[in-house]
């Protein structure tokens, strides 16, 4: 069963924050996503019970192997789609916003074709 878009967004956010900080807390996620602390707390509980996230005694969040795989896939889609949109003349903000919406719904077939096209045009290193 495919994970819901909101779950993917949380995993991607934790993935991005973990690249920037040694420890990621629910508060960091709430601030980054501009969501309420109760909303993030609920999502963290669901992701933890689904096996995508670990929470230690200090409240530090860590992606499990399966959580990291989903987050990395979504993040790659986000960055590649943003690059493609910018390369065809879309402004950075619109490109990022559109990529954020599309990254959750695009098929692997279409995404891989976009990656190949950008690579063949020497616009992307894969």
PDB file of N, CA and C in Angstrom:
ATOM      1  N   UNK A   1       0.828  -1.191   0.000  1.00  0.00           N
ATOM      2  CA  UNK A   1       0.000   0.000   0.000  1.00  0.00           C
ATOM      3  C   UNK A   1       0.872   1.254   0.000  1.00  0.00           C
ATOM      4  N   UNK A   2       0.519   2.214  -0.828  1.00  0.00           N
ATOM      5  CA  UNK A   2       1.301   3.439  -0.944  1.00  0.00           C
ATOM      6  C   UNK A   2       1.055   4.347   0.258  1.00  0.00           C
ATOM      7  N   UNK A   3       2.124   4.928   0.747  1.00  0.00           N
ATOM      8  CA  UNK A   3       2.022   5.850   1.863  1.00  0.00           C
ATOM      9  C   UNK A   3       1.314   7.133   1.411  1.00  0.00           C
ATOM     10  N   UNK A   4       0.591   7.747   2.317  1.00  0.00           N
ATOM     11  CA  UNK A   4      -0.073   9.005   2.007  1.00  0.00           C
ATOM     12  C   UNK A   4       0.949  10.120   1.810  1.00  0.00           C
ATOM     13  N   UNK A   5       0.555  11.120   1.025  1.00  0.00           N
ATOM     14  CA  UNK A   5       1.428  12.254   0.737  1.00  0.00           C
ATOM     15  C   UNK A   5       1.942  12.907   2.020  1.00  0.00           C
ATOM     16  N   UNK A   6       1.086  13.066   3.020  1.00  0.00           N
ATOM     17  CA  UNK A   6       1.509  13.739   4.255  1.00  0.00           C
ATOM     18  C   UNK A   6       2.622  12.953   4.951  1.00  0.00           C
ATOM     19  N   UNK A   7       2.521  11.630   4.962  1.00  0.00           N
ATOM     20  CA  UNK A   7       3.575  10.815   5.556  1.00  0.00           C
ATOM     21  C   UNK A   7       4.886  10.981   4.817  1.00  0.00           C
ATOM     22  N   UNK A   8       4.809  11.012   3.484  1.00  0.00           N
ATOM     23  CA  UNK A   8       6.015  11.226   2.684  1.00  0.00           C
ATOM     24  C   UNK A   8       6.627  12.598   2.970  1.00  0.00           C
ATOM     25  N   UNK A   9       5.783  13.601   3.153  1.00  0.00           N
ATOM     26  CA  UNK A   9       6.290  14.954   3.442  1.00  0.00           C
ATOM     27  C   UNK A   9       7.032  14.976   4.775  1.00  0.00           C
ATOM     28  N   UNK A  10       6.476  14.329   5.780  1.00  0.00           N
ATOM     29  CA  UNK A  10       7.150  14.275   7.080  1.00  0.00           C
ATOM     30  C   UNK A  10       8.488  13.553   6.968  1.00  0.00           C
ATOM     31  N   UNK A  11       8.507  12.409   6.301  1.00  0.00           N
ATOM     32  CA  UNK A  11       9.756  11.662   6.147  1.00  0.00           C
ATOM     33  C   UNK A  11      10.794  12.488   5.388  1.00  0.00           C
ATOM     34  N   UNK A  12      10.366  13.162   4.323  1.00  0.00           N
ATOM     35  CA  UNK A  12      11.286  13.993   3.549  1.00  0.00           C
ATOM     36  C   UNK A  12      11.839  15.125   4.408  1.00  0.00           C
ATOM     37  N   UNK A  13      10.990  15.746   5.206  1.00  0.00           N
ATOM     38  CA  UNK A  13      11.433  16.836   6.075  1.00  0.00           C
ATOM     39  C   UNK A  13      12.449  16.342   7.096  1.00  0.00           C
ATOM     40  N   UNK A  14      12.179  15.205   7.718  1.00  0.00           N
ATOM     41  CA  UNK A  14      13.121  14.644   8.689  1.00  0.00           C
ATOM     42  C   UNK A  14      14.438  14.297   7.999  1.00  0.00           C
ATOM     43  N   UNK A  15      14.354  13.772   6.783  1.00  0.00           N
ATOM     44  CA  UNK A  15      15.543  13.451   5.987  1.00  0.00           C
ATOM     45  C   UNK A  15      16.377  14.705   5.725  1.00  0.00           C
ATOM     46  N   UNK A  16      15.725  15.777   5.277  1.00  0.00           N
ATOM     47  CA  UNK A  16      16.424  17.039   4.987  1.00  0.00           C
ATOM     48  C   UNK A  16      17.044  17.607   6.262  1.00  0.00           C
ATOM     49  N   UNK A  17      16.269  17.651   7.331  1.00  0.00           N
ATOM     50  CA  UNK A  17      16.786  18.199   8.590  1.00  0.00           C
ATOM     51  C   UNK A  17      17.945  17.370   9.127  1.00  0.00           C
ATOM     52  N   UNK A  18      17.894  16.052   8.922  1.00  0.00           N
ATOM     53  CA  UNK A  18      18.980  15.198   9.425  1.00  0.00           C
ATOM     54  C   UNK A  18      20.268  15.405   8.639  1.00  0.00           C
ATOM     55  N   UNK A  19      20.170  15.965   7.435  1.00  0.00           N
ATOM     56  CA  UNK A  19      21.370  16.305   6.662  1.00  0.00           C
ATOM     57  C   UNK A  19      22.018  17.583   7.220  1.00  0.00           C
ATOM     58  N   UNK A  20      21.192  18.413   7.871  1.00  0.00           N
ATOM     59  CA  UNK A  20      21.646  19.714   8.357  1.00  0.00           C
ATOM     60  C   UNK A  20      22.016  19.718   9.832  1.00  0.00           C
ATOM     61  N   UNK A  21      21.413  18.817  10.634  1.00  0.00           N
ATOM     62  CA  UNK A  21      21.603  18.836  12.083  1.00  0.00           C
ATOM     63  C   UNK A  21      21.970  17.450  12.592  1.00  0.00           C
ATOM     64  N   UNK A  22      22.647  17.433  13.714  1.00  0.00           N
ATOM     65  CA  UNK A  22      23.010  16.155  14.316  1.00  0.00           C
ATOM     66  C   UNK A  22      21.774  15.438  14.867  1.00  0.00           C
ATOM     67  N   UNK A  23      20.876  16.219  15.492  1.00  0.00           N
ATOM     68  CA  UNK A  23      19.661  15.651  16.073  1.00  0.00           C
ATOM     69  C   UNK A  23      18.452  16.393  15.530  1.00  0.00           C
ATOM     70  N   UNK A  24      17.399  15.656  15.212  1.00  0.00           N
ATOM     71  CA  UNK A  24      16.155  16.243  14.731  1.00  0.00           C
ATOM     72  C   UNK A  24      15.079  15.943  15.768  1.00  0.00           C
ATOM     73  N   UNK A  25      14.356  16.979  16.168  1.00  0.00           N
ATOM     74  CA  UNK A  25      13.271  16.826  17.130  1.00  0.00           C
ATOM     75  C   UNK A  25      11.945  17.174  16.459  1.00  0.00           C
ATOM     76  N   UNK A  26      10.858  16.793  17.071  1.00  0.00           N
ATOM     77  CA  UNK A  26       9.529  17.119  16.542  1.00  0.00           C
ATOM     78  C   UNK A  26       9.366  18.626  16.381  1.00  0.00           C
ATOM     79  N   UNK A  27       9.911  19.387  17.311  1.00  0.00           N
ATOM     80  CA  UNK A  27       9.826  20.848  17.229  1.00  0.00           C
ATOM     81  C   UNK A  27      10.501  21.368  15.959  1.00  0.00           C
ATOM     82  N   UNK A  28      11.636  20.784  15.586  1.00  0.00           N
ATOM     83  CA  UNK A  28      12.336  21.182  14.358  1.00  0.00           C
ATOM     84  C   UNK A  28      11.447  20.919  13.138  1.00  0.00           C
ATOM     85  N   UNK A  29      10.778  19.775  13.145  1.00  0.00           N
ATOM     86  CA  UNK A  29       9.894  19.412  12.043  1.00  0.00           C
ATOM     87  C   UNK A  29       8.730  20.397  11.973  1.00  0.00           C
ATOM     88  N   UNK A  30       8.134  20.702  13.124  1.00  0.00           N
ATOM     89  CA  UNK A  30       7.005  21.640  13.179  1.00  0.00           C
ATOM     90  C   UNK A  30       7.411  23.007  12.642  1.00  0.00           C
ATOM     91  N   UNK A  31       8.576  23.484  13.066  1.00  0.00           N
ATOM     92  CA  UNK A  31       9.045  24.796  12.603  1.00  0.00           C
ATOM     93  C   UNK A  31       9.340  24.780  11.100  1.00  0.00           C
ATOM     94  N   UNK A  32       9.978  23.730  10.619  1.00  0.00           N
ATOM     95  CA  UNK A  32      10.345  23.634   9.198  1.00  0.00           C
ATOM     96  C   UNK A  32       9.109  23.571   8.304  1.00  0.00           C
ATOM     97  N   UNK A  33       8.117  22.811   8.736  1.00  0.00           N
ATOM     98  CA  UNK A  33       6.920  22.615   7.924  1.00  0.00           C
ATOM     99  C   UNK A  33       5.831  23.655   8.213  1.00  0.00           C
ATOM    100  N   UNK A  34       6.046  24.442   9.264  1.00  0.00           N
ATOM    101  CA  UNK A  34       5.061  25.427   9.709  1.00  0.00           C
ATOM    102  C   UNK A  34       3.747  24.745  10.112  1.00  0.00           C
ATOM    103  N   UNK A  35       3.884  23.626  10.833  1.00  0.00           N
ATOM    104  CA  UNK A  35       2.751  22.857  11.330  1.00  0.00           C
ATOM    105  C   UNK A  35       2.704  22.991  12.848  1.00  0.00           C
ATOM    106  N   UNK A  36       1.547  22.712  13.427  1.00  0.00           N
ATOM    107  CA  UNK A  36       1.413  22.760  14.885  1.00  0.00           C
ATOM    108  C   UNK A  36       2.144  21.575  15.511  1.00  0.00           C
ATOM    109  N   UNK A  37       2.577  21.761  16.756  1.00  0.00           N
ATOM    110  CA  UNK A  37       3.260  20.677  17.466  1.00  0.00           C
ATOM    111  C   UNK A  37       2.353  19.451  17.633  1.00  0.00           C
ATOM    112  N   UNK A  38       1.055  19.618  17.951  1.00  0.00           N
ATOM    113  CA  UNK A  38       0.195  18.435  18.058  1.00  0.00           C
ATOM    114  C   UNK A  38       0.071  17.659  16.740  1.00  0.00           C
ATOM    115  N   UNK A  39       0.018  18.363  15.613  1.00  0.00           N
ATOM    116  CA  UNK A  39      -0.061  17.691  14.308  1.00  0.00           C
ATOM    117  C   UNK A  39       1.194  16.860  14.063  1.00  0.00           C
ATOM    118  N   UNK A  40       2.339  17.447  14.352  1.00  0.00           N
ATOM    119  CA  UNK A  40       3.605  16.733  14.157  1.00  0.00           C
ATOM    120  C   UNK A  40       3.696  15.552  15.117  1.00  0.00           C
ATOM    121  N   UNK A  41       3.262  15.750  16.345  1.00  0.00           N
ATOM    122  CA  UNK A  41       3.304  14.676  17.335  1.00  0.00           C
ATOM    123  C   UNK A  41       2.458  13.489  16.881  1.00  0.00           C
ATOM    124  N   UNK A  42       1.293  13.754  16.346  1.00  0.00           N
ATOM    125  CA  UNK A  42       0.413  12.691  15.838  1.00  0.00           C
ATOM    126  C   UNK A  42       1.090  11.959  14.679  1.00  0.00           C
ATOM    127  N   UNK A  43       1.652  12.724  13.734  1.00  0.00           N
ATOM    128  CA  UNK A  43       2.310  12.125  12.568  1.00  0.00           C
ATOM    129  C   UNK A  43       3.513  11.292  12.996  1.00  0.00           C
ATOM    130  N   UNK A  44       4.289  11.796  13.929  1.00  0.00           N
ATOM    131  CA  UNK A  44       5.460  11.061  14.425  1.00  0.00           C
ATOM    132  C   UNK A  44       5.008   9.730  15.028  1.00  0.00           C
ATOM    133  N   UNK A  45       3.925   9.763  15.792  1.00  0.00           N
ATOM    134  CA  UNK A  45       3.403   8.528  16.380  1.00  0.00           C
ATOM    135  C   UNK A  45       2.998   7.519  15.320  1.00  0.00           C
ATOM    136  N   UNK A  46       2.329   7.997  14.275  1.00  0.00           N
ATOM    137  CA  UNK A  46       1.902   7.109  13.186  1.00  0.00           C
ATOM    138  C   UNK A  46       3.095   6.544  12.422  1.00  0.00           C
ATOM    139  N   UNK A  47       4.079   7.393  12.136  1.00  0.00           N
ATOM    140  CA  UNK A  47       5.268   6.942  11.405  1.00  0.00           C
ATOM    141  C   UNK A  47       6.084   5.950  12.243  1.00  0.00           C
ATOM    142  N   UNK A  48       6.122   6.195  13.542  1.00  0.00           N
ATOM    143  CA  UNK A  48       6.836   5.297  14.451  1.00  0.00           C
ATOM    144  C   UNK A  48       6.136   3.940  14.490  1.00  0.00           C
ATOM    145  N   UNK A  49       4.816   3.942  14.648  1.00  0.00           N
ATOM    146  CA  UNK A  49       4.072   2.673  14.737  1.00  0.00           C
ATOM    147  C   UNK A  49       4.074   1.917  13.407  1.00  0.00           C
ATOM    148  N   UNK A  50       4.300   2.636  12.309  1.00  0.00           N
ATOM    149  CA  UNK A  50       4.367   1.995  10.991  1.00  0.00           C
ATOM    150  C   UNK A  50       5.770   1.503  10.650  1.00  0.00           C
ATOM    151  N   UNK A  51       6.732   1.778  11.535  1.00  0.00           N
ATOM    152  CA  UNK A  51       8.085   1.278  11.334  1.00  0.00           C
ATOM    153  C   UNK A  51       8.979   2.145  10.461  1.00  0.00           C
ATOM    154  N   UNK A  52       8.604   3.414  10.278  1.00  0.00           N
ATOM    155  CA  UNK A  52       9.399   4.318   9.436  1.00  0.00           C
ATOM    156  C   UNK A  52      10.300   5.243  10.249  1.00  0.00           C
ATOM    157  N   UNK A  53      10.061   5.298  11.553  1.00  0.00           N
ATOM    158  CA  UNK A  53      10.733   6.290  12.375  1.00  0.00           C
ATOM    159  C   UNK A  53      11.021   5.715  13.757  1.00  0.00           C
ATOM    160  N   UNK A  54      12.166   6.113  14.304  1.00  0.00           N
ATOM    161  CA  UNK A  54      12.526   5.768  15.676  1.00  0.00           C
ATOM    162  C   UNK A  54      12.606   7.058  16.475  1.00  0.00           C
ATOM    163  N   UNK A  55      12.202   6.991  17.737  1.00  0.00           N
ATOM    164  CA  UNK A  55      12.297   8.143  18.627  1.00  0.00           C
ATOM    165  C   UNK A  55      13.018   7.673  19.879  1.00  0.00           C
ATOM    166  N   UNK A  56      14.138   8.341  20.212  1.00  0.00           N
ATOM    167  CA  UNK A  56      14.879   7.910  21.401  1.00  0.00           C
ATOM    168  C   UNK A  56      14.345   8.611  22.653  1.00  0.00           C
ATOM    169  N   UNK A  57      14.926   8.320  23.780  1.00  0.00           N
ATOM    170  CA  UNK A  57      14.484   8.866  25.062  1.00  0.00           C
ATOM    171  C   UNK A  57      14.587  10.370  25.174  1.00  0.00           C
ATOM    172  N   UNK A  58      15.411  10.980  24.331  1.00  0.00           N
ATOM    173  CA  UNK A  58      15.560  12.438  24.329  1.00  0.00           C
ATOM    174  C   UNK A  58      14.651  13.108  23.308  1.00  0.00           C
ATOM    175  N   UNK A  59      13.825  12.310  22.624  1.00  0.00           N
ATOM    176  CA  UNK A  59      12.925  12.875  21.623  1.00  0.00           C
ATOM    177  C   UNK A  59      13.564  13.105  20.272  1.00  0.00           C
ATOM    178  N   UNK A  60      14.753  12.533  20.070  1.00  0.00           N
ATOM    179  CA  UNK A  60      15.427  12.661  18.775  1.00  0.00           C
ATOM    180  C   UNK A  60      14.816  11.681  17.781  1.00  0.00           C
ATOM    181  N   UNK A  61      14.546  12.178  16.579  1.00  0.00           N
ATOM    182  CA  UNK A  61      13.926  11.378  15.530  1.00  0.00           C
ATOM    183  C   UNK A  61      14.994  10.807  14.606  1.00  0.00           C
ATOM    184  N   UNK A  62      14.834   9.552  14.227  1.00  0.00           N
ATOM    185  CA  UNK A  62      15.747   8.919  13.275  1.00  0.00           C
ATOM    186  C   UNK A  62      14.921   8.039  12.343  1.00  0.00           C
ATOM    187  N   UNK A  63      15.199   8.140  11.072  1.00  0.00           N
ATOM    188  CA  UNK A  63      14.508   7.320  10.085  1.00  0.00           C
ATOM    189  C   UNK A  63      15.006   5.882  10.155  1.00  0.00           C
ATOM    190  N   UNK A  64      14.089   4.945  10.032  1.00  0.00           N
ATOM    191  CA  UNK A  64      14.490   3.546   9.906  1.00  0.00           C
ATOM    192  C   UNK A  64      14.976   3.342   8.470  1.00  0.00           C
ATOM    193  N   UNK A  65      15.450   2.155   8.167  1.00  0.00           N
ATOM    194  CA  UNK A  65      15.914   1.876   6.801  1.00  0.00           C
ATOM    195  C   UNK A  65      14.786   2.095   5.790  1.00  0.00           C
ATOM    196  N   UNK A  66      13.596   1.617   6.102  1.00  0.00           N
ATOM    197  CA  UNK A  66      12.474   1.795   5.169  1.00  0.00           C
ATOM    198  C   UNK A  66      12.036   3.255   5.105  1.00  0.00           C
ATOM    199  N   UNK A  67      12.072   3.948   6.233  1.00  0.00           N
ATOM    200  CA  UNK A  67      11.729   5.371   6.242  1.00  0.00           C
ATOM    201  C   UNK A  67      12.725   6.193   5.431  1.00  0.00           C
ATOM    202  N   UNK A  68      14.002   5.864   5.573  1.00  0.00           N
ATOM    203  CA  UNK A  68      15.051   6.568   4.820  1.00  0.00           C
ATOM    204  C   UNK A  68      14.910   6.313   3.322  1.00  0.00           C
ATOM    205  N   UNK A  69      14.559   5.098   2.952  1.00  0.00           N
ATOM    206  CA  UNK A  69      14.400   4.772   1.519  1.00  0.00           C
ATOM    207  C   UNK A  69      13.282   5.603   0.895  1.00  0.00           C
ATOM    208  N   UNK A  70      12.155   5.703   1.582  1.00  0.00           N
ATOM    209  CA  UNK A  70      11.041   6.508   1.065  1.00  0.00           C
ATOM    210  C   UNK A  70      11.442   7.980   1.011  1.00  0.00           C
ATOM    211  N   UNK A  71      12.047   8.479   2.078  1.00  0.00           N
ATOM    212  CA  UNK A  71      12.434   9.891   2.142  1.00  0.00           C
ATOM    213  C   UNK A  71      13.436  10.239   1.048  1.00  0.00           C
ATOM    214  N   UNK A  72      14.422   9.382   0.840  1.00  0.00           N
ATOM    215  CA  UNK A  72      15.444   9.646  -0.182  1.00  0.00           C
ATOM    216  C   UNK A  72      14.816   9.653  -1.577  1.00  0.00           C
ATOM    217  N   UNK A  73      13.869   8.759  -1.812  1.00  0.00           N
ATOM    218  CA  UNK A  73      13.189   8.701  -3.112  1.00  0.00           C
ATOM    219  C   UNK A  73      12.400   9.986  -3.360  1.00  0.00           C
ATOM    220  N   UNK A  74      11.659  10.433  -2.361  1.00  0.00           N
ATOM    221  CA  UNK A  74      10.860  11.653  -2.505  1.00  0.00           C
ATOM    222  C   UNK A  74      11.778  12.863  -2.674  1.00  0.00           C
ATOM    223  N   UNK A  75      12.844  12.914  -1.898  1.00  0.00           N
ATOM    224  CA  UNK A  75      13.776  14.046  -1.996  1.00  0.00           C
ATOM    225  C   UNK A  75      14.443  14.091  -3.372  1.00  0.00           C
ATOM    226  N   UNK A  76      14.823  12.925  -3.896  1.00  0.00           N
ATOM    227  CA  UNK A  76      15.414  12.894  -5.233  1.00  0.00           C
ATOM    228  C   UNK A  76      14.409  13.417  -6.264  1.00  0.00           C
ATOM    229  N   UNK A  77      13.182  12.970  -6.170  1.00  0.00           N
ATOM    230  CA  UNK A  77      12.148  13.451  -7.089  1.00  0.00           C
ATOM    231  C   UNK A  77      12.001  14.962  -6.983  1.00  0.00           C
ATOM    232  N   UNK A  78      11.988  15.462  -5.766  1.00  0.00           N
ATOM    233  CA  UNK A  78      11.851  16.904  -5.540  1.00  0.00           C
ATOM    234  C   UNK A  78      12.985  17.678  -6.215  1.00  0.00           C
ATOM    235  N   UNK A  79      14.207  17.240  -5.990  1.00  0.00           N
ATOM    236  CA  UNK A  79      15.349  17.980  -6.530  1.00  0.00           C
ATOM    237  C   UNK A  79      15.427  17.879  -8.049  1.00  0.00           C
ATOM    238  N   UNK A  80      15.166  16.704  -8.603  1.00  0.00           N
ATOM    239  CA  UNK A  80      15.238  16.524 -10.062  1.00  0.00           C
ATOM    240  C   UNK A  80      14.123  17.312 -10.751  1.00  0.00           C
ATOM    241  N   UNK A  81      12.909  17.216 -10.220  1.00  0.00           N
ATOM    242  CA  UNK A  81      11.793  17.942 -10.835  1.00  0.00           C
ATOM    243  C   UNK A  81      11.994  19.451 -10.735  1.00  0.00           C
ATOM    244  N   UNK A  82      12.484  19.920  -9.595  1.00  0.00           N
ATOM    245  CA  UNK A  82      12.766  21.358  -9.451  1.00  0.00           C
ATOM    246  C   UNK A  82      13.791  21.785 -10.490  1.00  0.00           C
ATOM    247  N   UNK A  83      14.856  21.001 -10.640  1.00  0.00           N
ATOM    248  CA  UNK A  83      15.897  21.327 -11.617  1.00  0.00           C
ATOM    249  C   UNK A  83      15.315  21.385 -13.024  1.00  0.00           C
ATOM    250  N   UNK A  84      14.491  20.406 -13.372  1.00  0.00           N
ATOM    251  CA  UNK A  84      13.892  20.375 -14.707  1.00  0.00           C
ATOM    252  C   UNK A  84      13.055  21.629 -14.943  1.00  0.00           C
ATOM    253  N   UNK A  85      12.226  21.993 -13.977  1.00  0.00           N
ATOM    254  CA  UNK A  85      11.374  23.172 -14.144  1.00  0.00           C
ATOM    255  C   UNK A  85      12.205  24.454 -14.280  1.00  0.00           C
ATOM    256  N   UNK A  86      13.236  24.588 -13.463  1.00  0.00           N
ATOM    257  CA  UNK A  86      14.105  25.760 -13.549  1.00  0.00           C
ATOM    258  C   UNK A  86      14.807  25.798 -14.909  1.00  0.00           C
ATOM    259  N   UNK A  87      15.277  24.636 -15.364  1.00  0.00           N
ATOM    260  CA  UNK A  87      15.967  24.551 -16.656  1.00  0.00           C
ATOM    261  C   UNK A  87      15.082  24.956 -17.831  1.00  0.00           C
ATOM    262  N   UNK A  88      13.767  24.773 -17.705  1.00  0.00           N
ATOM    263  CA  UNK A  88      12.886  25.166 -18.814  1.00  0.00           C
ATOM    264  C   UNK A  88      12.308  26.561 -18.616  1.00  0.00           C
ATOM    265  N   UNK A  89      12.809  27.286 -17.586  1.00  0.00           N
ATOM    266  CA  UNK A  89      12.454  28.691 -17.447  1.00  0.00           C
ATOM    267  C   UNK A  89      11.460  29.041 -16.359  1.00  0.00           C
ATOM    268  N   UNK A  90      11.092  28.077 -15.532  1.00  0.00           N
ATOM    269  CA  UNK A  90      10.177  28.367 -14.423  1.00  0.00           C
ATOM    270  C   UNK A  90      10.979  28.992 -13.282  1.00  0.00           C
ATOM    271  N   UNK A  91      10.409  30.022 -12.630  1.00  0.00           N
ATOM    272  CA  UNK A  91      11.115  30.659 -11.512  1.00  0.00           C
ATOM    273  C   UNK A  91      11.270  29.646 -10.365  1.00  0.00           C
ATOM    274  N   UNK A  92      12.300  29.859  -9.556  1.00  0.00           N
ATOM    275  CA  UNK A  92      12.695  28.919  -8.500  1.00  0.00           C
ATOM    276  C   UNK A  92      11.544  28.584  -7.544  1.00  0.00           C
ATOM    277  N   UNK A  93      10.810  29.573  -7.077  1.00  0.00           N
ATOM    278  CA  UNK A  93       9.727  29.335  -6.117  1.00  0.00           C
ATOM    279  C   UNK A  93       8.631  28.479  -6.728  1.00  0.00           C
ATOM    280  N   UNK A  94       8.188  28.818  -7.928  1.00  0.00           N
ATOM    281  CA  UNK A  94       7.142  28.042  -8.592  1.00  0.00           C
ATOM    282  C   UNK A  94       7.649  26.635  -8.895  1.00  0.00           C
ATOM    283  N   UNK A  95       8.887  26.527  -9.346  1.00  0.00           N
ATOM    284  CA  UNK A  95       9.480  25.223  -9.654  1.00  0.00           C
ATOM    285  C   UNK A  95       9.491  24.336  -8.408  1.00  0.00           C
ATOM    286  N   UNK A  96       9.902  24.898  -7.287  1.00  0.00           N
ATOM    287  CA  UNK A  96       9.953  24.145  -6.031  1.00  0.00           C
ATOM    288  C   UNK A  96       8.556  23.746  -5.574  1.00  0.00           C
ATOM    289  N   UNK A  97       7.625  24.686  -5.634  1.00  0.00           N
ATOM    290  CA  UNK A  97       6.248  24.397  -5.211  1.00  0.00           C
ATOM    291  C   UNK A  97       5.614  23.313  -6.083  1.00  0.00           C
ATOM    292  N   UNK A  98       5.790  23.414  -7.398  1.00  0.00           N
ATOM    293  CA  UNK A  98       5.216  22.420  -8.307  1.00  0.00           C
ATOM    294  C   UNK A  98       5.872  21.050  -8.109  1.00  0.00           C
ATOM    295  N   UNK A  99       7.185  21.042  -7.961  1.00  0.00           N
ATOM    296  CA  UNK A  99       7.897  19.779  -7.736  1.00  0.00           C
ATOM    297  C   UNK A  99       7.396  19.114  -6.460  1.00  0.00           C
ATOM    298  N   UNK A 100       7.137  19.916  -5.442  1.00  0.00           N
ATOM    299  CA  UNK A 100       6.665  19.393  -4.164  1.00  0.00           C
ATOM    300  C   UNK A 100       5.317  18.696  -4.316  1.00  0.00           C
ATOM    301  N   UNK A 101       4.474  19.209  -5.174  1.00  0.00           N
ATOM    302  CA  UNK A 101       3.166  18.574  -5.398  1.00  0.00           C
ATOM    303  C   UNK A 101       3.300  17.323  -6.272  1.00  0.00           C
ATOM    304  N   UNK A 102       4.084  17.418  -7.323  1.00  0.00           N
ATOM    305  CA  UNK A 102       4.191  16.334  -8.309  1.00  0.00           C
ATOM    306  C   UNK A 102       4.977  15.141  -7.776  1.00  0.00           C
ATOM    307  N   UNK A 103       5.962  15.386  -6.909  1.00  0.00           N
ATOM    308  CA  UNK A 103       6.859  14.327  -6.440  1.00  0.00           C
ATOM    309  C   UNK A 103       6.120  13.144  -5.814  1.00  0.00           C
ATOM    310  N   UNK A 104       4.924  13.372  -5.318  1.00  0.00           N
ATOM    311  CA  UNK A 104       4.170  12.318  -4.639  1.00  0.00           C
ATOM    312  C   UNK A 104       3.322  11.478  -5.590  1.00  0.00           C
ATOM    313  N   UNK A 105       3.123  11.964  -6.799  1.00  0.00           N
ATOM    314  CA  UNK A 105       2.175  11.314  -7.707  1.00  0.00           C
ATOM    315  C   UNK A 105       2.774  10.797  -9.003  1.00  0.00           C
ATOM    316  N   UNK A 106       3.935  11.297  -9.378  1.00  0.00           N
ATOM    317  CA  UNK A 106       4.534  10.897 -10.653  1.00  0.00           C
ATOM    318  C   UNK A 106       4.932   9.414 -10.597  1.00  0.00           C
ATOM    319  N   UNK A 107       4.708   8.711 -11.686  1.00  0.00           N
ATOM    320  CA  UNK A 107       5.067   7.290 -11.732  1.00  0.00           C
ATOM    321  C   UNK A 107       6.589   7.136 -11.816  1.00  0.00           C
ATOM    322  N   UNK A 108       7.066   5.970 -11.423  1.00  0.00           N
ATOM    323  CA  UNK A 108       8.497   5.678 -11.556  1.00  0.00           C
ATOM    324  C   UNK A 108       8.911   5.750 -13.030  1.00  0.00           C
ATOM    325  N   UNK A 109       8.037   5.284 -13.916  1.00  0.00           N
ATOM    326  CA  UNK A 109       8.338   5.291 -15.350  1.00  0.00           C
ATOM    327  C   UNK A 109       8.572   6.707 -15.854  1.00  0.00           C
ATOM    328  N   UNK A 110       7.660   7.620 -15.557  1.00  0.00           N
ATOM    329  CA  UNK A 110       7.814   9.005 -16.010  1.00  0.00           C
ATOM    330  C   UNK A 110       9.003   9.679 -15.352  1.00  0.00           C
ATOM    331  N   UNK A 111       9.179   9.442 -14.051  1.00  0.00           N
ATOM    332  CA  UNK A 111      10.298  10.077 -13.358  1.00  0.00           C
ATOM    333  C   UNK A 111      11.632   9.596 -13.917  1.00  0.00           C
ATOM    334  N   UNK A 112      11.752   8.295 -14.142  1.00  0.00           N
ATOM    335  CA  UNK A 112      13.002   7.767 -14.691  1.00  0.00           C
ATOM    336  C   UNK A 112      13.261   8.294 -16.100  1.00  0.00           C
ATOM    337  N   UNK A 113      12.212   8.509 -16.892  1.00  0.00           N
ATOM    338  CA  UNK A 113      12.374   9.089 -18.228  1.00  0.00           C
ATOM    339  C   UNK A 113      12.871  10.533 -18.133  1.00  0.00           C
ATOM    340  N   UNK A 114      12.352  11.288 -17.168  1.00  0.00           N
ATOM    341  CA  UNK A 114      12.817  12.674 -16.959  1.00  0.00           C
ATOM    342  C   UNK A 114      14.286  12.665 -16.551  1.00  0.00           C
ATOM    343  N   UNK A 115      14.645  11.790 -15.620  1.00  0.00           N
ATOM    344  CA  UNK A 115      16.047  11.703 -15.198  1.00  0.00           C
ATOM    345  C   UNK A 115      16.956  11.358 -16.367  1.00  0.00           C
ATOM    346  N   UNK A 116      16.550  10.400 -17.181  1.00  0.00           N
ATOM    347  CA  UNK A 116      17.353  10.001 -18.339  1.00  0.00           C
ATOM    348  C   UNK A 116      17.483  11.162 -19.318  1.00  0.00           C
ATOM    349  N   UNK A 117      16.393  11.854 -19.571  1.00  0.00           N
ATOM    350  CA  UNK A 117      16.411  12.991 -20.495  1.00  0.00           C
ATOM    351  C   UNK A 117      17.379  14.075 -20.000  1.00  0.00           C
ATOM    352  N   UNK A 118      17.273  14.432 -18.725  1.00  0.00           N
ATOM    353  CA  UNK A 118      18.160  15.458 -18.171  1.00  0.00           C
ATOM    354  C   UNK A 118      19.613  15.003 -18.203  1.00  0.00           C
ATOM    355  N   UNK A 119      19.835  13.711 -17.914  1.00  0.00           N
ATOM    356  CA  UNK A 119      21.197  13.178 -17.969  1.00  0.00           C
ATOM    357  C   UNK A 119      21.741  13.213 -19.394  1.00  0.00           C
ATOM    358  N   UNK A 120      20.916  12.797 -20.361  1.00  0.00           N
ATOM    359  CA  UNK A 120      21.347  12.784 -21.771  1.00  0.00           C
ATOM    360  C   UNK A 120      21.647  14.185 -22.281  1.00  0.00           C
ATOM    361  N   UNK A 121      20.991  15.175 -21.740  1.00  0.00           N
ATOM    362  CA  UNK A 121      21.225  16.574 -22.118  1.00  0.00           C
ATOM    363  C   UNK A 121      22.334  17.208 -21.276  1.00  0.00           C
ATOM    364  N   UNK A 122      22.982  16.375 -20.450  1.00  0.00           N
ATOM    365  CA  UNK A 122      24.087  16.814 -19.575  1.00  0.00           C
ATOM    366  C   UNK A 122      23.635  17.878 -18.582  1.00  0.00           C
ATOM    367  N   UNK A 123      22.375  17.772 -18.154  1.00  0.00           N
ATOM    368  CA  UNK A 123      21.844  18.702 -17.158  1.00  0.00           C
ATOM    369  C   UNK A 123      21.763  18.068 -15.776  1.00  0.00           C
ATOM    370  N   UNK A 124      22.083  16.771 -15.722  1.00  0.00           N
ATOM    371  CA  UNK A 124      21.953  16.052 -14.453  1.00  0.00           C
ATOM    372  C   UNK A 124      22.992  14.943 -14.407  1.00  0.00           C
ATOM    373  N   UNK A 125      23.661  14.829 -13.266  1.00  0.00           N
ATOM    374  CA  UNK A 125      24.573  13.710 -13.031  1.00  0.00           C
ATOM    375  C   UNK A 125      23.816  12.666 -12.232  1.00  0.00           C
ATOM    376  N   UNK A 126      23.700  11.454 -12.758  1.00  0.00           N
ATOM    377  CA  UNK A 126      23.030  10.392 -11.992  1.00  0.00           C
ATOM    378  C   UNK A 126      23.972   9.249 -11.744  1.00  0.00           C
TER     379      UNK A 126
END
